[in-house]
Amino acid sequence: MAYDQNNSGFQRQMYKGNWKCAKCGGEITELPFNPDPARLNQLQCRKCHQERQGMSRNR
């Protein structure tokens, strides 16, 4: 388990695997959730996910 980004002490289980980012094609080796096999084509790396989150906040 890993600590969350805010270091509040909350432990979150991390899932290890070999996935590819749907946006940039980068390697993803760890996720904070167990991905749905039917939606693997929608996975995004941390950087692409954060960029997407930032764009949705600026609407």
N, C-alpha and C. Protein backbone atom coordinates (compact mmCIF):
# COMPACT_ATOMS: atom_id res chain seq x y z
N MET A 1 0.83 -1.19 0.00
CA MET A 1 0.00 0.00 0.00
C MET A 1 0.88 1.24 0.00
N ALA A 2 0.33 2.30 -0.54
CA ALA A 2 1.08 3.55 -0.63
C ALA A 2 0.28 4.67 0.02
N TYR A 3 0.99 5.68 0.44
CA TYR A 3 0.32 6.86 1.02
C TYR A 3 -0.25 7.71 -0.10
N ASP A 4 -1.31 8.41 0.20
CA ASP A 4 -1.90 9.28 -0.81
C ASP A 4 -1.02 10.49 -1.05
N GLN A 5 -1.33 11.26 -2.06
CA GLN A 5 -0.49 12.40 -2.45
C GLN A 5 -0.48 13.51 -1.40
N ASN A 6 -1.48 13.57 -0.55
CA ASN A 6 -1.54 14.62 0.46
C ASN A 6 -0.82 14.24 1.74
N ASN A 7 -0.25 13.05 1.79
CA ASN A 7 0.46 12.56 2.97
C ASN A 7 -0.40 12.61 4.23
N SER A 8 -1.69 12.37 4.06
CA SER A 8 -2.59 12.39 5.21
C SER A 8 -2.54 11.08 5.99
N GLY A 9 -1.77 10.13 5.50
CA GLY A 9 -1.64 8.86 6.19
C GLY A 9 -2.58 7.79 5.68
N PHE A 10 -3.52 8.16 4.82
CA PHE A 10 -4.44 7.18 4.24
C PHE A 10 -3.66 6.23 3.36
N GLN A 11 -3.80 4.95 3.63
CA GLN A 11 -3.10 3.98 2.80
C GLN A 11 -4.02 3.46 1.71
N ARG A 12 -3.50 3.40 0.52
CA ARG A 12 -4.26 2.96 -0.64
C ARG A 12 -3.53 1.80 -1.29
N GLN A 13 -4.27 0.76 -1.61
CA GLN A 13 -3.66 -0.38 -2.29
C GLN A 13 -3.32 0.02 -3.71
N MET A 14 -2.11 -0.34 -4.14
CA MET A 14 -1.69 -0.06 -5.50
C MET A 14 -1.62 -1.39 -6.26
N TYR A 15 -2.04 -1.37 -7.51
CA TYR A 15 -2.05 -2.55 -8.36
C TYR A 15 -0.92 -2.44 -9.37
N LYS A 16 -0.09 -3.46 -9.43
CA LYS A 16 1.04 -3.47 -10.35
C LYS A 16 0.66 -4.24 -11.62
N GLY A 17 1.18 -3.77 -12.74
CA GLY A 17 0.91 -4.42 -14.02
C GLY A 17 1.71 -3.75 -15.12
N ASN A 18 1.43 -4.13 -16.33
CA ASN A 18 2.08 -3.56 -17.50
C ASN A 18 1.00 -3.08 -18.46
N TRP A 19 0.70 -1.79 -18.39
CA TRP A 19 -0.32 -1.19 -19.22
C TRP A 19 0.28 -0.05 -20.01
N LYS A 20 -0.46 0.43 -21.00
CA LYS A 20 -0.04 1.57 -21.82
C LYS A 20 -1.05 2.70 -21.67
N CYS A 21 -0.56 3.92 -21.65
CA CYS A 21 -1.41 5.10 -21.60
C CYS A 21 -2.12 5.24 -22.95
N ALA A 22 -3.43 5.43 -22.91
CA ALA A 22 -4.22 5.58 -24.14
C ALA A 22 -3.91 6.88 -24.87
N LYS A 23 -3.42 7.88 -24.16
CA LYS A 23 -3.17 9.19 -24.77
C LYS A 23 -1.75 9.31 -25.34
N CYS A 24 -0.74 9.03 -24.52
CA CYS A 24 0.65 9.25 -24.96
C CYS A 24 1.40 7.95 -25.28
N GLY A 25 0.82 6.80 -24.93
CA GLY A 25 1.48 5.52 -25.19
C GLY A 25 2.53 5.16 -24.17
N GLY A 26 2.67 5.99 -23.13
CA GLY A 26 3.66 5.73 -22.09
C GLY A 26 3.32 4.49 -21.26
N GLU A 27 4.33 3.97 -20.62
CA GLU A 27 4.18 2.78 -19.80
C GLU A 27 3.54 3.13 -18.46
N ILE A 28 2.60 2.30 -18.03
CA ILE A 28 1.97 2.43 -16.71
C ILE A 28 2.27 1.13 -15.97
N THR A 29 2.93 1.23 -14.83
CA THR A 29 3.29 0.03 -14.07
C THR A 29 2.55 -0.10 -12.76
N GLU A 30 1.86 0.97 -12.34
CA GLU A 30 1.18 0.95 -11.06
C GLU A 30 -0.05 1.85 -11.12
N LEU A 31 -1.16 1.33 -10.59
CA LEU A 31 -2.42 2.09 -10.56
C LEU A 31 -3.04 2.01 -9.18
N PRO A 32 -3.80 3.03 -8.77
CA PRO A 32 -4.45 3.02 -7.47
C PRO A 32 -5.78 2.26 -7.49
N PHE A 33 -6.04 1.54 -8.57
CA PHE A 33 -7.26 0.74 -8.70
C PHE A 33 -6.97 -0.45 -9.59
N ASN A 34 -7.79 -1.48 -9.49
CA ASN A 34 -7.65 -2.65 -10.34
C ASN A 34 -8.42 -2.36 -11.62
N PRO A 35 -7.74 -2.17 -12.75
CA PRO A 35 -8.43 -1.74 -13.97
C PRO A 35 -9.37 -2.81 -14.53
N ASP A 36 -10.48 -2.34 -15.08
CA ASP A 36 -11.45 -3.20 -15.73
C ASP A 36 -10.86 -3.64 -17.07
N PRO A 37 -10.72 -4.95 -17.31
CA PRO A 37 -10.14 -5.42 -18.58
C PRO A 37 -10.86 -4.89 -19.81
N ALA A 38 -12.14 -4.61 -19.70
CA ALA A 38 -12.90 -4.10 -20.84
C ALA A 38 -12.60 -2.63 -21.13
N ARG A 39 -11.91 -1.95 -20.21
CA ARG A 39 -11.64 -0.51 -20.38
C ARG A 39 -10.15 -0.19 -20.40
N LEU A 40 -9.32 -1.17 -20.68
CA LEU A 40 -7.87 -0.94 -20.70
C LEU A 40 -7.47 0.09 -21.74
N ASN A 41 -8.27 0.24 -22.79
CA ASN A 41 -7.96 1.22 -23.83
C ASN A 41 -8.25 2.65 -23.38
N GLN A 42 -8.72 2.83 -22.14
CA GLN A 42 -9.01 4.17 -21.62
C GLN A 42 -8.05 4.59 -20.52
N LEU A 43 -7.09 3.73 -20.16
CA LEU A 43 -6.15 4.05 -19.09
C LEU A 43 -5.25 5.21 -19.49
N GLN A 44 -4.94 6.06 -18.51
CA GLN A 44 -4.03 7.17 -18.75
C GLN A 44 -2.95 7.19 -17.68
N CYS A 45 -1.75 7.58 -18.08
CA CYS A 45 -0.66 7.73 -17.12
C CYS A 45 -0.97 8.92 -16.20
N ARG A 46 -0.20 9.04 -15.15
CA ARG A 46 -0.43 10.12 -14.18
C ARG A 46 -0.37 11.50 -14.83
N LYS A 47 0.61 11.71 -15.69
CA LYS A 47 0.79 13.02 -16.33
C LYS A 47 -0.41 13.37 -17.21
N CYS A 48 -0.83 12.44 -18.05
CA CYS A 48 -1.98 12.71 -18.94
C CYS A 48 -3.26 12.87 -18.13
N HIS A 49 -3.41 12.09 -17.08
CA HIS A 49 -4.60 12.21 -16.23
C HIS A 49 -4.64 13.58 -15.56
N GLN A 50 -3.51 14.04 -15.05
CA GLN A 50 -3.46 15.35 -14.39
C GLN A 50 -3.74 16.47 -15.39
N GLU A 51 -3.22 16.34 -16.61
CA GLU A 51 -3.49 17.35 -17.64
C GLU A 51 -4.98 17.39 -17.95
N ARG A 52 -5.60 16.22 -18.05
CA ARG A 52 -7.04 16.15 -18.33
C ARG A 52 -7.84 16.75 -17.19
N GLN A 53 -7.45 16.48 -15.96
CA GLN A 53 -8.14 17.03 -14.80
C GLN A 53 -8.01 18.56 -14.80
N GLY A 54 -6.85 19.07 -15.15
CA GLY A 54 -6.63 20.51 -15.20
C GLY A 54 -7.50 21.17 -16.25
N MET A 55 -7.65 20.52 -17.40
CA MET A 55 -8.48 21.08 -18.47
C MET A 55 -9.94 21.11 -18.05
N SER A 56 -10.41 20.10 -17.34
CA SER A 56 -11.82 20.07 -16.96
C SER A 56 -12.12 21.11 -15.88
N ARG A 57 -11.13 21.49 -15.09
CA ARG A 57 -11.32 22.52 -14.06
C ARG A 57 -11.38 23.91 -14.67
N ASN A 58 -10.78 24.08 -15.85
CA ASN A 58 -10.71 25.39 -16.48
C ASN A 58 -11.92 25.69 -17.36
N ARG A 59 -12.91 24.84 -17.36
CA ARG A 59 -14.09 25.05 -18.21
C ARG A 59 -14.96 26.15 -17.69
